[in-house]
PDB file of all heavy atoms in Angstrom:
ATOM      1  N   LEU A   1       0.833  -1.208   0.000  1.00  0.00           N
ATOM      2  CA  LEU A   1       0.000   0.000   0.000  1.00  0.00           C
ATOM      3  C   LEU A   1       0.866   1.256   0.000  1.00  0.00           C
ATOM      4  O   LEU A   1       0.591   2.217  -0.719  1.00  0.00           O
ATOM      5  CB  LEU A   1      -0.915   0.002   1.219  1.00  0.00           C
ATOM      6  CG  LEU A   1      -2.315  -0.572   1.071  1.00  0.00           C
ATOM      7  CD1 LEU A   1      -3.043  -0.526   2.410  1.00  0.00           C
ATOM      8  CD2 LEU A   1      -3.109   0.169   0.010  1.00  0.00           C
ATOM      9  N   ARG A   2       1.901   1.266   0.818  1.00  0.00           N
ATOM     10  CA  ARG A   2       2.785   2.443   0.863  1.00  0.00           C
ATOM     11  C   ARG A   2       3.409   2.704  -0.499  1.00  0.00           C
ATOM     12  O   ARG A   2       3.538   3.847  -0.941  1.00  0.00           O
ATOM     13  CB  ARG A   2       3.884   2.245   1.908  1.00  0.00           C
ATOM     14  CG  ARG A   2       3.432   2.389   3.347  1.00  0.00           C
ATOM     15  CD  ARG A   2       4.629   2.608   4.267  1.00  0.00           C
ATOM     16  NE  ARG A   2       5.636   1.560   4.123  1.00  0.00           N
ATOM     17  CZ  ARG A   2       5.648   0.423   4.813  1.00  0.00           C
ATOM     18  NH1 ARG A   2       4.696   0.176   5.699  1.00  0.00           N
ATOM     19  NH2 ARG A   2       6.603  -0.474   4.617  1.00  0.00           N
ATOM     20  N   HIS A   3       3.819   1.614  -1.174  1.00  0.00           N
ATOM     21  CA  HIS A   3       4.484   1.788  -2.462  1.00  0.00           C
ATOM     22  C   HIS A   3       3.532   2.316  -3.530  1.00  0.00           C
ATOM     23  O   HIS A   3       3.969   2.987  -4.468  1.00  0.00           O
ATOM     24  CB  HIS A   3       5.108   0.463  -2.910  1.00  0.00           C
ATOM     25  CG  HIS A   3       6.129  -0.083  -1.955  1.00  0.00           C
ATOM     26  ND1 HIS A   3       6.896   0.725  -1.152  1.00  0.00           N
ATOM     27  CD2 HIS A   3       6.508  -1.360  -1.673  1.00  0.00           C
ATOM     28  CE1 HIS A   3       7.715  -0.027  -0.411  1.00  0.00           C
ATOM     29  NE2 HIS A   3       7.490  -1.286  -0.711  1.00  0.00           N
ATOM     30  N   TYR A   4       2.244   2.014  -3.396  1.00  0.00           N
ATOM     31  CA  TYR A   4       1.254   2.497  -4.351  1.00  0.00           C
ATOM     32  C   TYR A   4       0.689   3.870  -3.979  1.00  0.00           C
ATOM     33  O   TYR A   4      -0.089   4.439  -4.750  1.00  0.00           O
ATOM     34  CB  TYR A   4       0.084   1.514  -4.454  1.00  0.00           C
ATOM     35  CG  TYR A   4       0.230   0.434  -5.495  1.00  0.00           C
ATOM     36  CD1 TYR A   4       0.230  -0.906  -5.138  1.00  0.00           C
ATOM     37  CD2 TYR A   4       0.340   0.755  -6.849  1.00  0.00           C
ATOM     38  CE1 TYR A   4       0.337  -1.909  -6.097  1.00  0.00           C
ATOM     39  CE2 TYR A   4       0.453  -0.231  -7.809  1.00  0.00           C
ATOM     40  CZ  TYR A   4       0.448  -1.565  -7.427  1.00  0.00           C
ATOM     41  OH  TYR A   4       0.551  -2.552  -8.389  1.00  0.00           O
ATOM     42  N   THR A   5       1.056   4.395  -2.829  1.00  0.00           N
ATOM     43  CA  THR A   5       0.480   5.669  -2.382  1.00  0.00           C
ATOM     44  C   THR A   5       1.584   6.658  -1.989  1.00  0.00           C
ATOM     45  O   THR A   5       2.044   7.436  -2.818  1.00  0.00           O
ATOM     46  CB  THR A   5      -0.498   5.427  -1.212  1.00  0.00           C
ATOM     47  OG1 THR A   5       0.166   4.718  -0.140  1.00  0.00           O
ATOM     48  CG2 THR A   5      -1.693   4.599  -1.660  1.00  0.00           C
ATOM     49  N   ARG A   6       2.004   6.604  -0.755  1.00  0.00           N
ATOM     50  CA  ARG A   6       2.957   7.583  -0.243  1.00  0.00           C
ATOM     51  C   ARG A   6       4.272   7.588  -1.026  1.00  0.00           C
ATOM     52  O   ARG A   6       4.788   8.651  -1.405  1.00  0.00           O
ATOM     53  CB  ARG A   6       3.236   7.298   1.237  1.00  0.00           C
ATOM     54  CG  ARG A   6       4.086   8.350   1.925  1.00  0.00           C
ATOM     55  CD  ARG A   6       4.359   7.938   3.370  1.00  0.00           C
ATOM     56  NE  ARG A   6       5.265   6.793   3.455  1.00  0.00           N
ATOM     57  CZ  ARG A   6       5.501   6.105   4.573  1.00  0.00           C
ATOM     58  NH1 ARG A   6       4.864   6.414   5.681  1.00  0.00           N
ATOM     59  NH2 ARG A   6       6.359   5.113   4.575  1.00  0.00           N
ATOM     60  N   ASP A   7       4.824   6.392  -1.285  1.00  0.00           N
ATOM     61  CA  ASP A   7       6.113   6.333  -1.973  1.00  0.00           C
ATOM     62  C   ASP A   7       5.991   6.755  -3.436  1.00  0.00           C
ATOM     63  O   ASP A   7       6.897   7.398  -3.978  1.00  0.00           O
ATOM     64  CB  ASP A   7       6.695   4.923  -1.873  1.00  0.00           C
ATOM     65  CG  ASP A   7       7.059   4.547  -0.437  1.00  0.00           C
ATOM     66  OD1 ASP A   7       7.192   5.454   0.398  1.00  0.00           O
ATOM     67  OD2 ASP A   7       7.184   3.341  -0.148  1.00  0.00           O
ATOM     68  N   ALA A   8       4.890   6.379  -4.075  1.00  0.00           N
ATOM     69  CA  ALA A   8       4.681   6.793  -5.463  1.00  0.00           C
ATOM     70  C   ALA A   8       4.492   8.309  -5.553  1.00  0.00           C
ATOM     71  O   ALA A   8       4.927   8.938  -6.526  1.00  0.00           O
ATOM     72  CB  ALA A   8       3.482   6.063  -6.055  1.00  0.00           C
ATOM     73  N   ALA A   9       3.853   8.904  -4.547  1.00  0.00           N
ATOM     74  CA  ALA A   9       3.720  10.364  -4.518  1.00  0.00           C
ATOM     75  C   ALA A   9       5.085  11.021  -4.373  1.00  0.00           C
ATOM     76  O   ALA A   9       5.399  12.006  -5.046  1.00  0.00           O
ATOM     77  CB  ALA A   9       2.797  10.783  -3.375  1.00  0.00           C
ATOM     78  N   TYR A  10       5.910  10.466  -3.492  1.00  0.00           N
ATOM     79  CA  TYR A  10       7.267  10.988  -3.288  1.00  0.00           C
ATOM     80  C   TYR A  10       8.066  10.923  -4.585  1.00  0.00           C
ATOM     81  O   TYR A  10       8.844  11.834  -4.899  1.00  0.00           O
ATOM     82  CB  TYR A  10       7.949  10.180  -2.189  1.00  0.00           C
ATOM     83  CG  TYR A  10       9.359  10.614  -1.874  1.00  0.00           C
ATOM     84  CD1 TYR A  10       9.606  11.619  -0.933  1.00  0.00           C
ATOM     85  CD2 TYR A  10      10.445  10.012  -2.492  1.00  0.00           C
ATOM     86  CE1 TYR A  10      10.911  12.008  -0.641  1.00  0.00           C
ATOM     87  CE2 TYR A  10      11.747  10.392  -2.203  1.00  0.00           C
ATOM     88  CZ  TYR A  10      11.970  11.391  -1.279  1.00  0.00           C
ATOM     89  OH  TYR A  10      13.257  11.774  -0.996  1.00  0.00           O
ATOM     90  N   ALA A  11       7.863   9.874  -5.358  1.00  0.00           N
ATOM     91  CA  ALA A  11       8.603   9.695  -6.605  1.00  0.00           C
ATOM     92  C   ALA A  11       8.277  10.773  -7.623  1.00  0.00           C
ATOM     93  O   ALA A  11       9.022  10.977  -8.587  1.00  0.00           O
ATOM     94  CB  ALA A  11       8.312   8.311  -7.197  1.00  0.00           C
ATOM     95  N   ALA A  12       7.170  11.484  -7.416  1.00  0.00           N
ATOM     96  CA  ALA A  12       6.769  12.562  -8.328  1.00  0.00           C
ATOM     97  C   ALA A  12       6.809  13.930  -7.648  1.00  0.00           C
ATOM     98  O   ALA A  12       6.208  14.891  -8.151  1.00  0.00           O
ATOM     99  CB  ALA A  12       5.358  12.292  -8.855  1.00  0.00           C
ATOM    100  N   PHE A  13       7.496  14.041  -6.525  1.00  0.00           N
ATOM    101  CA  PHE A  13       7.573  15.293  -5.764  1.00  0.00           C
ATOM    102  C   PHE A  13       6.178  15.791  -5.362  1.00  0.00           C
ATOM    103  O   PHE A  13       5.921  16.986  -5.296  1.00  0.00           O
ATOM    104  CB  PHE A  13       8.284  16.392  -6.567  1.00  0.00           C
ATOM    105  CG  PHE A  13       9.751  16.156  -6.784  1.00  0.00           C
ATOM    106  CD1 PHE A  13      10.211  15.491  -7.915  1.00  0.00           C
ATOM    107  CD2 PHE A  13      10.684  16.587  -5.861  1.00  0.00           C
ATOM    108  CE1 PHE A  13      11.563  15.271  -8.116  1.00  0.00           C
ATOM    109  CE2 PHE A  13      12.049  16.379  -6.056  1.00  0.00           C
ATOM    110  CZ  PHE A  13      12.487  15.709  -7.189  1.00  0.00           C
ATOM    111  N   MET A  14       5.282  14.872  -5.077  1.00  0.00           N
ATOM    112  CA  MET A  14       3.900  15.237  -4.765  1.00  0.00           C
ATOM    113  C   MET A  14       3.491  14.806  -3.364  1.00  0.00           C
ATOM    114  O   MET A  14       2.305  14.838  -3.039  1.00  0.00           O
ATOM    115  CB  MET A  14       2.954  14.597  -5.784  1.00  0.00           C
ATOM    116  CG  MET A  14       2.980  15.199  -7.165  1.00  0.00           C
ATOM    117  SD  MET A  14       2.004  16.715  -7.272  1.00  0.00           S
ATOM    118  CE  MET A  14       0.334  16.060  -7.265  1.00  0.00           C
ATOM    119  N   GLU A  15       4.435  14.434  -2.517  1.00  0.00           N
ATOM    120  CA  GLU A  15       4.076  13.870  -1.207  1.00  0.00           C
ATOM    121  C   GLU A  15       3.439  14.884  -0.269  1.00  0.00           C
ATOM    122  O   GLU A  15       2.818  14.489   0.725  1.00  0.00           O
ATOM    123  CB  GLU A  15       5.301  13.229  -0.553  1.00  0.00           C
ATOM    124  CG  GLU A  15       6.319  14.202   0.034  1.00  0.00           C
ATOM    125  CD  GLU A  15       7.302  14.741  -0.983  1.00  0.00           C
ATOM    126  OE1 GLU A  15       7.108  14.522  -2.200  1.00  0.00           O
ATOM    127  OE2 GLU A  15       8.288  15.392  -0.562  1.00  0.00           O
ATOM    128  N   GLN A  16       3.557  16.175  -0.562  1.00  0.00           N
ATOM    129  CA  GLN A  16       2.878  17.184   0.248  1.00  0.00           C
ATOM    130  C   GLN A  16       1.455  17.444  -0.243  1.00  0.00           C
ATOM    131  O   GLN A  16       0.721  18.237   0.360  1.00  0.00           O
ATOM    132  CB  GLN A  16       3.673  18.496   0.233  1.00  0.00           C
ATOM    133  CG  GLN A  16       5.072  18.380   0.817  1.00  0.00           C
ATOM    134  CD  GLN A  16       5.061  17.886   2.258  1.00  0.00           C
ATOM    135  OE1 GLN A  16       4.208  18.295   3.060  1.00  0.00           O
ATOM    136  NE2 GLN A  16       5.991  17.005   2.597  1.00  0.00           N
ATOM    137  N   GLU A  17       1.068  16.779  -1.326  1.00  0.00           N
ATOM    138  CA  GLU A  17      -0.256  16.993  -1.916  1.00  0.00           C
ATOM    139  C   GLU A  17      -1.110  15.726  -1.915  1.00  0.00           C
ATOM    140  O   GLU A  17      -2.319  15.788  -1.697  1.00  0.00           O
ATOM    141  CB  GLU A  17      -0.101  17.495  -3.361  1.00  0.00           C
ATOM    142  CG  GLU A  17       0.655  18.806  -3.487  1.00  0.00           C
ATOM    143  CD  GLU A  17      -0.229  20.010  -3.217  1.00  0.00           C
ATOM    144  OE1 GLU A  17      -1.449  19.853  -3.179  1.00  0.00           O
ATOM    145  OE2 GLU A  17       0.323  21.115  -3.051  1.00  0.00           O
ATOM    146  N   VAL A  18      -0.494  14.593  -2.211  1.00  0.00           N
ATOM    147  CA  VAL A  18      -1.233  13.333  -2.342  1.00  0.00           C
ATOM    148  C   VAL A  18      -0.422  12.209  -1.699  1.00  0.00           C
ATOM    149  O   VAL A  18       0.727  12.393  -1.301  1.00  0.00           O
ATOM    150  CB  VAL A  18      -1.520  12.998  -3.824  1.00  0.00           C
ATOM    151  CG1 VAL A  18      -2.418  14.034  -4.460  1.00  0.00           C
ATOM    152  CG2 VAL A  18      -0.222  12.858  -4.617  1.00  0.00           C
ATOM    153  N   GLY A  19      -1.048  11.037  -1.598  1.00  0.00           N
ATOM    154  CA  GLY A  19      -0.336   9.854  -1.109  1.00  0.00           C
ATOM    155  C   GLY A  19      -0.634   9.500   0.329  1.00  0.00           C
ATOM    156  O   GLY A  19      -0.430   8.357   0.741  1.00  0.00           O
ATOM    157  N   THR A  20      -1.089  10.459   1.112  1.00  0.00           N
ATOM    158  CA  THR A  20      -1.534  10.219   2.484  1.00  0.00           C
ATOM    159  C   THR A  20      -2.818  11.019   2.709  1.00  0.00           C
ATOM    160  O   THR A  20      -3.143  11.923   1.935  1.00  0.00           O
ATOM    161  CB  THR A  20      -0.472  10.636   3.522  1.00  0.00           C
ATOM    162  OG1 THR A  20      -0.113  12.018   3.300  1.00  0.00           O
ATOM    163  CG2 THR A  20       0.781   9.784   3.421  1.00  0.00           C
ATOM    164  N   LEU A  21      -3.520  10.667   3.774  1.00  0.00           N
ATOM    165  CA  LEU A  21      -4.782  11.333   4.086  1.00  0.00           C
ATOM    166  C   LEU A  21      -4.628  12.120   5.383  1.00  0.00           C
ATOM    167  O   LEU A  21      -4.593  11.546   6.474  1.00  0.00           O
ATOM    168  CB  LEU A  21      -5.910  10.298   4.208  1.00  0.00           C
ATOM    169  CG  LEU A  21      -6.182   9.474   2.946  1.00  0.00           C
ATOM    170  CD1 LEU A  21      -7.268   8.435   3.208  1.00  0.00           C
ATOM    171  CD2 LEU A  21      -6.575  10.375   1.778  1.00  0.00           C
ATOM    172  N   ARG A  22      -4.486  13.415   5.235  1.00  0.00           N
ATOM    173  CA  ARG A  22      -4.446  14.305   6.393  1.00  0.00           C
ATOM    174  C   ARG A  22      -4.949  15.672   5.955  1.00  0.00           C
ATOM    175  O   ARG A  22      -4.971  15.989   4.766  1.00  0.00           O
ATOM    176  CB  ARG A  22      -3.037  14.396   6.997  1.00  0.00           C
ATOM    177  CG  ARG A  22      -1.980  14.998   6.103  1.00  0.00           C
ATOM    178  CD  ARG A  22      -0.655  15.142   6.860  1.00  0.00           C
ATOM    179  NE  ARG A  22       0.351  15.838   6.071  1.00  0.00           N
ATOM    180  CZ  ARG A  22       1.223  15.230   5.272  1.00  0.00           C
ATOM    181  NH1 ARG A  22       1.208  13.918   5.165  1.00  0.00           N
ATOM    182  NH2 ARG A  22       2.103  15.942   4.584  1.00  0.00           N
ATOM    183  N   ALA A  23      -5.365  16.468   6.912  1.00  0.00           N
ATOM    184  CA  ALA A  23      -5.953  17.767   6.606  1.00  0.00           C
ATOM    185  C   ALA A  23      -5.019  18.599   5.732  1.00  0.00           C
ATOM    186  O   ALA A  23      -3.804  18.664   5.983  1.00  0.00           O
ATOM    187  CB  ALA A  23      -6.277  18.520   7.890  1.00  0.00           C
ATOM    188  N   GLY A  24      -5.584  19.215   4.707  1.00  0.00           N
ATOM    189  CA  GLY A  24      -4.825  20.055   3.803  1.00  0.00           C
ATOM    190  C   GLY A  24      -4.395  19.356   2.529  1.00  0.00           C
ATOM    191  O   GLY A  24      -4.084  20.017   1.537  1.00  0.00           O
ATOM    192  N   MET A  25      -4.380  18.015   2.535  1.00  0.00           N
ATOM    193  CA  MET A  25      -3.988  17.277   1.341  1.00  0.00           C
ATOM    194  C   MET A  25      -5.127  17.284   0.335  1.00  0.00           C
ATOM    195  O   MET A  25      -6.298  17.513   0.685  1.00  0.00           O
ATOM    196  CB  MET A  25      -3.638  15.830   1.706  1.00  0.00           C
ATOM    197  CG  MET A  25      -2.524  15.687   2.733  1.00  0.00           C
ATOM    198  SD  MET A  25      -0.887  16.047   2.053  1.00  0.00           S
ATOM    199  CE  MET A  25      -0.512  14.487   1.258  1.00  0.00           C
ATOM    200  N   LEU A  26      -4.803  17.043  -0.926  1.00  0.00           N
ATOM    201  CA  LEU A  26      -5.838  16.883  -1.934  1.00  0.00           C
ATOM    202  C   LEU A  26      -6.714  15.686  -1.577  1.00  0.00           C
ATOM    203  O   LEU A  26      -6.217  14.668  -1.090  1.00  0.00           O
ATOM    204  CB  LEU A  26      -5.213  16.702  -3.315  1.00  0.00           C
ATOM    205  CG  LEU A  26      -4.527  17.961  -3.877  1.00  0.00           C
ATOM    206  CD1 LEU A  26      -3.663  17.612  -5.084  1.00  0.00           C
ATOM    207  CD2 LEU A  26      -5.561  19.021  -4.256  1.00  0.00           C
ATOM    208  N   ALA A  27      -7.997  15.800  -1.825  1.00  0.00           N
ATOM    209  CA  ALA A  27      -8.956  14.778  -1.384  1.00  0.00           C
ATOM    210  C   ALA A  27      -9.005  13.632  -2.382  1.00  0.00           C
ATOM    211  O   ALA A  27      -9.947  13.485  -3.158  1.00  0.00           O
ATOM    212  CB  ALA A  27     -10.338  15.397  -1.196  1.00  0.00           C
ATOM    213  N   ASP A  28      -7.964  12.829  -2.372  1.00  0.00           N
ATOM    214  CA  ASP A  28      -7.858  11.648  -3.236  1.00  0.00           C
ATOM    215  C   ASP A  28      -7.909  10.409  -2.351  1.00  0.00           C
ATOM    216  O   ASP A  28      -6.981  10.162  -1.563  1.00  0.00           O
ATOM    217  CB  ASP A  28      -6.545  11.647  -4.004  1.00  0.00           C
ATOM    218  CG  ASP A  28      -6.402  12.808  -4.979  1.00  0.00           C
ATOM    219  OD1 ASP A  28      -7.317  13.647  -5.040  1.00  0.00           O
ATOM    220  OD2 ASP A  28      -5.374  12.861  -5.682  1.00  0.00           O
ATOM    221  N   PHE A  29      -8.962   9.607  -2.489  1.00  0.00           N
ATOM    222  CA  PHE A  29      -9.046   8.396  -1.675  1.00  0.00           C
ATOM    223  C   PHE A  29      -9.905   7.351  -2.368  1.00  0.00           C
ATOM    224  O   PHE A  29     -10.625   7.633  -3.332  1.00  0.00           O
ATOM    225  CB  PHE A  29      -9.564   8.696  -0.266  1.00  0.00           C
ATOM    226  CG  PHE A  29     -10.913   9.359  -0.202  1.00  0.00           C
ATOM    227  CD1 PHE A  29     -12.083   8.620  -0.106  1.00  0.00           C
ATOM    228  CD2 PHE A  29     -11.019  10.751  -0.210  1.00  0.00           C
ATOM    229  CE1 PHE A  29     -13.316   9.235  -0.034  1.00  0.00           C
ATOM    230  CE2 PHE A  29     -12.254  11.380  -0.138  1.00  0.00           C
ATOM    231  CZ  PHE A  29     -13.412  10.624  -0.044  1.00  0.00           C
ATOM    232  N   VAL A  30      -9.798   6.121  -1.862  1.00  0.00           N
ATOM    233  CA  VAL A  30     -10.469   4.974  -2.450  1.00  0.00           C
ATOM    234  C   VAL A  30     -11.220   4.239  -1.351  1.00  0.00           C
ATOM    235  O   VAL A  30     -10.692   4.045  -0.241  1.00  0.00           O
ATOM    236  CB  VAL A  30      -9.452   4.011  -3.108  1.00  0.00           C
ATOM    237  CG1 VAL A  30     -10.162   2.824  -3.743  1.00  0.00           C
ATOM    238  CG2 VAL A  30      -8.608   4.749  -4.141  1.00  0.00           C
ATOM    239  N   VAL A  31     -12.434   3.808  -1.659  1.00  0.00           N
ATOM    240  CA  VAL A  31     -13.229   2.988  -0.750  1.00  0.00           C
ATOM    241  C   VAL A  31     -13.250   1.566  -1.298  1.00  0.00           C
ATOM    242  O   VAL A  31     -13.523   1.349  -2.487  1.00  0.00           O
ATOM    243  CB  VAL A  31     -14.669   3.526  -0.619  1.00  0.00           C
ATOM    244  CG1 VAL A  31     -15.449   2.703   0.396  1.00  0.00           C
ATOM    245  CG2 VAL A  31     -14.652   5.004  -0.215  1.00  0.00           C
ATOM    246  N   LEU A  32     -12.954   0.593  -0.445  1.00  0.00           N
ATOM    247  CA  LEU A  32     -12.837  -0.801  -0.861  1.00  0.00           C
ATOM    248  C   LEU A  32     -13.986  -1.637  -0.310  1.00  0.00           C
ATOM    249  O   LEU A  32     -14.551  -1.323   0.741  1.00  0.00           O
ATOM    250  CB  LEU A  32     -11.505  -1.376  -0.394  1.00  0.00           C
ATOM    251  CG  LEU A  32     -10.258  -0.624  -0.887  1.00  0.00           C
ATOM    252  CD1 LEU A  32      -9.005  -1.187  -0.214  1.00  0.00           C
ATOM    253  CD2 LEU A  32     -10.141  -0.716  -2.405  1.00  0.00           C
ATOM    254  N   SER A  33     -14.296  -2.704  -1.005  1.00  0.00           N
ATOM    255  CA  SER A  33     -15.415  -3.562  -0.597  1.00  0.00           C
ATOM    256  C   SER A  33     -15.112  -4.321   0.679  1.00  0.00           C
ATOM    257  O   SER A  33     -16.020  -4.643   1.449  1.00  0.00           O
ATOM    258  CB  SER A  33     -15.739  -4.553  -1.719  1.00  0.00           C
ATOM    259  OG  SER A  33     -14.627  -5.413  -1.963  1.00  0.00           O
ATOM    260  N   GLU A  34     -13.843  -4.648   0.891  1.00  0.00           N
ATOM    261  CA  GLU A  34     -13.432  -5.383   2.080  1.00  0.00           C
ATOM    262  C   GLU A  34     -12.137  -4.788   2.612  1.00  0.00           C
ATOM    263  O   GLU A  34     -11.473  -4.002   1.935  1.00  0.00           O
ATOM    264  CB  GLU A  34     -13.234  -6.870   1.760  1.00  0.00           C
ATOM    265  CG  GLU A  34     -14.491  -7.591   1.298  1.00  0.00           C
ATOM    266  CD  GLU A  34     -14.238  -9.076   1.099  1.00  0.00           C
ATOM    267  OE1 GLU A  34     -13.801  -9.742   2.064  1.00  0.00           O
ATOM    268  OE2 GLU A  34     -14.475  -9.573  -0.017  1.00  0.00           O
ATOM    269  N   ASP A  35     -11.777  -5.202   3.810  1.00  0.00           N
ATOM    270  CA  ASP A  35     -10.560  -4.688   4.439  1.00  0.00           C
ATOM    271  C   ASP A  35      -9.368  -5.495   3.960  1.00  0.00           C
ATOM    272  O   ASP A  35      -9.104  -6.585   4.462  1.00  0.00           O
ATOM    273  CB  ASP A  35     -10.687  -4.758   5.960  1.00  0.00           C
ATOM    274  CG  ASP A  35      -9.501  -4.121   6.655  1.00  0.00           C
ATOM    275  OD1 ASP A  35      -8.612  -3.575   5.951  1.00  0.00           O
ATOM    276  OD2 ASP A  35      -9.443  -4.167   7.900  1.00  0.00           O
ATOM    277  N   LEU A  36      -8.639  -4.970   2.987  1.00  0.00           N
ATOM    278  CA  LEU A  36      -7.515  -5.734   2.452  1.00  0.00           C
ATOM    279  C   LEU A  36      -6.403  -5.933   3.473  1.00  0.00           C
ATOM    280  O   LEU A  36      -5.523  -6.786   3.276  1.00  0.00           O
ATOM    281  CB  LEU A  36      -6.974  -5.077   1.181  1.00  0.00           C
ATOM    282  CG  LEU A  36      -6.031  -3.884   1.256  1.00  0.00           C
ATOM    283  CD1 LEU A  36      -5.535  -3.551  -0.166  1.00  0.00           C
ATOM    284  CD2 LEU A  36      -6.659  -2.671   1.866  1.00  0.00           C
ATOM    285  N   LEU A  37      -6.444  -5.190   4.586  1.00  0.00           N
ATOM    286  CA  LEU A  37      -5.432  -5.382   5.631  1.00  0.00           C
ATOM    287  C   LEU A  37      -5.747  -6.581   6.525  1.00  0.00           C
ATOM    288  O   LEU A  37      -4.896  -6.998   7.311  1.00  0.00           O
ATOM    289  CB  LEU A  37      -5.308  -4.119   6.478  1.00  0.00           C
ATOM    290  CG  LEU A  37      -4.690  -2.915   5.752  1.00  0.00           C
ATOM    291  CD1 LEU A  37      -4.836  -1.660   6.591  1.00  0.00           C
ATOM    292  CD2 LEU A  37      -3.224  -3.184   5.442  1.00  0.00           C
ATOM    293  N   SER A  38      -6.943  -7.126   6.414  1.00  0.00           N
ATOM    294  CA  SER A  38      -7.282  -8.291   7.237  1.00  0.00           C
ATOM    295  C   SER A  38      -7.684  -9.508   6.412  1.00  0.00           C
ATOM    296  O   SER A  38      -7.781 -10.609   6.942  1.00  0.00           O
ATOM    297  CB  SER A  38      -8.418  -7.945   8.214  1.00  0.00           C
ATOM    298  OG  SER A  38      -9.582  -7.549   7.514  1.00  0.00           O
ATOM    299  N   VAL A  39      -7.904  -9.332   5.112  1.00  0.00           N
ATOM    300  CA  VAL A  39      -8.229 -10.462   4.240  1.00  0.00           C
ATOM    301  C   VAL A  39      -7.005 -11.369   4.117  1.00  0.00           C
ATOM    302  O   VAL A  39      -5.879 -10.879   3.966  1.00  0.00           O
ATOM    303  CB  VAL A  39      -8.663  -9.952   2.851  1.00  0.00           C
ATOM    304  CG1 VAL A  39      -8.749 -11.092   1.847  1.00  0.00           C
ATOM    305  CG2 VAL A  39      -9.991  -9.230   2.944  1.00  0.00           C
ATOM    306  N   PRO A  40      -7.167 -12.691   4.166  1.00  0.00           N
ATOM    307  CA  PRO A  40      -6.022 -13.589   3.954  1.00  0.00           C
ATOM    308  C   PRO A  40      -5.354 -13.292   2.617  1.00  0.00           C
ATOM    309  O   PRO A  40      -6.054 -13.025   1.617  1.00  0.00           O
ATOM    310  CB  PRO A  40      -6.669 -14.981   3.960  1.00  0.00           C
ATOM    311  CG  PRO A  40      -7.909 -14.822   4.771  1.00  0.00           C
ATOM    312  CD  PRO A  40      -8.399 -13.432   4.481  1.00  0.00           C
ATOM    313  N   PRO A  41      -4.029 -13.286   2.560  1.00  0.00           N
ATOM    314  CA  PRO A  41      -3.329 -12.883   1.330  1.00  0.00           C
ATOM    315  C   PRO A  41      -3.813 -13.593   0.080  1.00  0.00           C
ATOM    316  O   PRO A  41      -3.971 -12.971  -0.971  1.00  0.00           O
ATOM    317  CB  PRO A  41      -1.866 -13.218   1.640  1.00  0.00           C
ATOM    318  CG  PRO A  41      -1.765 -13.085   3.126  1.00  0.00           C
ATOM    319  CD  PRO A  41      -3.079 -13.579   3.661  1.00  0.00           C
ATOM    320  N   GLU A  42      -4.065 -14.898   0.188  1.00  0.00           N
ATOM    321  CA  GLU A  42      -4.465 -15.634  -1.000  1.00  0.00           C
ATOM    322  C   GLU A  42      -5.872 -15.262  -1.474  1.00  0.00           C
ATOM    323  O   GLU A  42      -6.297 -15.651  -2.568  1.00  0.00           O
ATOM    324  CB  GLU A  42      -4.390 -17.134  -0.749  1.00  0.00           C
ATOM    325  CG  GLU A  42      -5.327 -17.662   0.318  1.00  0.00           C
ATOM    326  CD  GLU A  42      -4.780 -17.520   1.736  1.00  0.00           C
ATOM    327  OE1 GLU A  42      -3.715 -16.881   1.902  1.00  0.00           O
ATOM    328  OE2 GLU A  42      -5.405 -18.067   2.669  1.00  0.00           O
TER     329      GLU A  42
END
């Protein structure tokens, strides 16, 4: 997840605008059907 968000933003000098969710950042986010952090990897 970090590599697809925060690190990819850093790679484009955009980490102060996108890649994380905190006040002041551009409102870019994704809603998922399930919690990929708890779903079994397979």
